[in-house]
Amino acid sequence: MDESVRWSLKVSRQTDEALRAYLGHVGGRKGDLSRFIEEAVRQRLRSALQPRQGRRQAAPLRARKDFADAIKEVRERARALTRAQVEKLAREAVAYARKRR
C-alpha cells in the first residue's frame, strides 16, 4: 500500500471471527487484515466495472423488445384518431413539456 488511509469498518461478529480464523489458519501476520480487505475491494471493483459477456447484451435486447411493443401498442391505439386529433395531442404534449422546464 502506497498511501494508507484509515477506515473505520463495522462487520458482524460472525464475519470478524470467520475472517480472523481464516487469516490465522493461513499464517496471517500484522497487516494481513488490511491487505485482505484492500484486495477484496479491488477485486469487487474490477468485477463490477468489467463488461460481462451475455449480461450486457440482454438488457439492450430486452429494451428494444419493450420499445417495439410500446410502439406497436401506441400505433394500435392511435389508429382510431384523426390527423387533427393526433396533431392536437402533439401540440399539447409539446406545450406540457415546455411548461415543465
Protein backbone atom coordinates (compact mmCIF):
# COMPACT_ATOMS: atom_id res chain seq x y z
CA MET A 1 0.00 0.00 0.00
CA ASP A 2 1.46 3.30 -1.07
CA GLU A 3 -0.50 5.96 0.76
CA SER A 4 -2.60 4.48 3.51
CA VAL A 5 -5.93 5.89 4.60
CA ARG A 6 -7.62 4.75 7.78
CA TRP A 7 -11.07 3.23 7.53
CA SER A 8 -13.43 2.55 10.33
CA LEU A 9 -15.44 -0.56 9.48
CA LYS A 10 -18.32 -2.36 11.09
CA VAL A 11 -18.89 -6.04 10.34
CA SER A 12 -20.86 -8.73 12.07
CA ARG A 13 -19.15 -10.72 14.80
CA GLN A 14 -19.58 -13.84 12.66
CA THR A 15 -17.73 -12.24 9.73
CA ASP A 16 -14.98 -10.97 12.02
CA GLU A 17 -14.45 -14.38 13.61
CA ALA A 18 -14.52 -16.20 10.28
CA LEU A 19 -12.00 -13.83 8.68
CA ARG A 20 -9.67 -13.86 11.67
CA ALA A 21 -9.84 -17.67 11.80
CA TYR A 22 -9.02 -17.82 8.09
CA LEU A 23 -6.09 -15.43 8.42
CA GLY A 24 -4.81 -17.37 11.43
CA HIS A 25 -5.13 -20.63 9.50
CA VAL A 26 -3.06 -19.33 6.57
CA GLY A 27 -0.42 -17.87 8.87
CA GLY A 28 -1.61 -14.28 8.79
CA ARG A 29 0.53 -11.60 10.37
CA LYS A 30 0.17 -7.95 11.26
CA GLY A 31 -1.28 -6.00 8.34
CA ASP A 32 -2.85 -9.02 6.65
CA LEU A 33 -6.37 -7.91 7.58
CA SER A 34 -5.82 -4.60 5.79
CA ARG A 35 -4.30 -6.33 2.76
CA PHE A 36 -7.18 -8.80 2.65
CA ILE A 37 -9.76 -6.01 2.67
CA GLU A 38 -7.89 -3.97 0.06
CA GLU A 39 -7.59 -6.97 -2.27
CA ALA A 40 -11.27 -7.81 -1.79
CA VAL A 41 -12.35 -4.24 -2.55
CA ARG A 42 -10.13 -4.05 -5.65
CA GLN A 43 -11.46 -7.38 -6.93
CA ARG A 44 -15.05 -6.29 -6.33
CA LEU A 45 -14.49 -3.01 -8.16
CA ARG A 46 -12.70 -4.76 -11.02
CA SER A 47 -15.53 -7.25 -11.49
CA ALA A 48 -18.18 -4.53 -11.22
CA LEU A 49 -16.51 -2.38 -13.87
CA GLN A 50 -15.70 -5.12 -16.40
CA PRO A 51 -18.31 -5.72 -19.09
CA ARG A 52 -19.80 -9.15 -18.76
CA GLN A 53 -20.49 -11.27 -21.81
CA GLY A 54 -24.16 -12.02 -22.19
CA ARG A 55 -25.30 -9.70 -19.41
CA ARG A 56 -24.54 -6.54 -21.35
CA GLN A 57 -26.34 -7.89 -24.39
CA ALA A 58 -29.51 -8.99 -22.61
CA ALA A 59 -30.61 -5.56 -21.40
CA PRO A 60 -30.46 -3.78 -24.79
CA LEU A 61 -32.29 -6.66 -26.48
CA ARG A 62 -35.00 -6.59 -23.82
CA ALA A 63 -35.20 -2.80 -24.05
CA ARG A 64 -35.58 -2.97 -27.83
CA LYS A 65 -38.34 -5.55 -27.50
CA ASP A 66 -40.12 -3.45 -24.85
CA PHE A 67 -39.75 -0.35 -27.03
CA ALA A 68 -41.06 -2.20 -30.11
CA ASP A 69 -44.03 -3.49 -28.09
CA ALA A 70 -44.75 0.04 -26.83
CA ILE A 71 -44.62 1.46 -30.37
CA LYS A 72 -46.93 -1.29 -31.61
CA GLU A 73 -49.40 -0.56 -28.80
CA VAL A 74 -49.33 3.18 -29.49
CA ARG A 75 -49.93 2.60 -33.20
CA GLU A 76 -52.88 0.30 -32.48
CA ARG A 77 -54.45 2.83 -30.12
CA ALA A 78 -53.78 5.73 -32.49
CA ARG A 79 -55.48 4.11 -35.49
CA ALA A 80 -58.86 5.41 -34.35
CA LEU A 81 -57.63 9.01 -34.15
CA THR A 82 -57.98 11.53 -36.94
CA ARG A 83 -55.00 13.53 -38.15
CA ALA A 84 -56.37 16.63 -36.40
CA GLN A 85 -56.65 14.74 -33.10
CA VAL A 86 -53.06 13.48 -33.39
CA GLU A 87 -51.77 16.99 -34.13
CA LYS A 88 -53.72 18.41 -31.19
CA LEU A 89 -52.28 15.75 -28.86
CA ALA A 90 -48.78 16.51 -30.14
CA ARG A 91 -49.22 20.26 -29.55
CA GLU A 92 -50.50 19.60 -26.02
CA ALA A 93 -47.57 17.30 -25.26
CA VAL A 94 -45.04 19.86 -26.51
CA ALA A 95 -46.70 22.64 -24.52
CA TYR A 96 -46.70 20.47 -21.39
CA ALA A 97 -43.02 19.59 -21.82
CA ARG A 98 -42.04 23.23 -22.33
CA LYS A 99 -44.06 24.34 -19.32
CA ARG A 100 -42.28 21.82 -17.04
CA ARG A 101 -38.81 23.26 -17.81
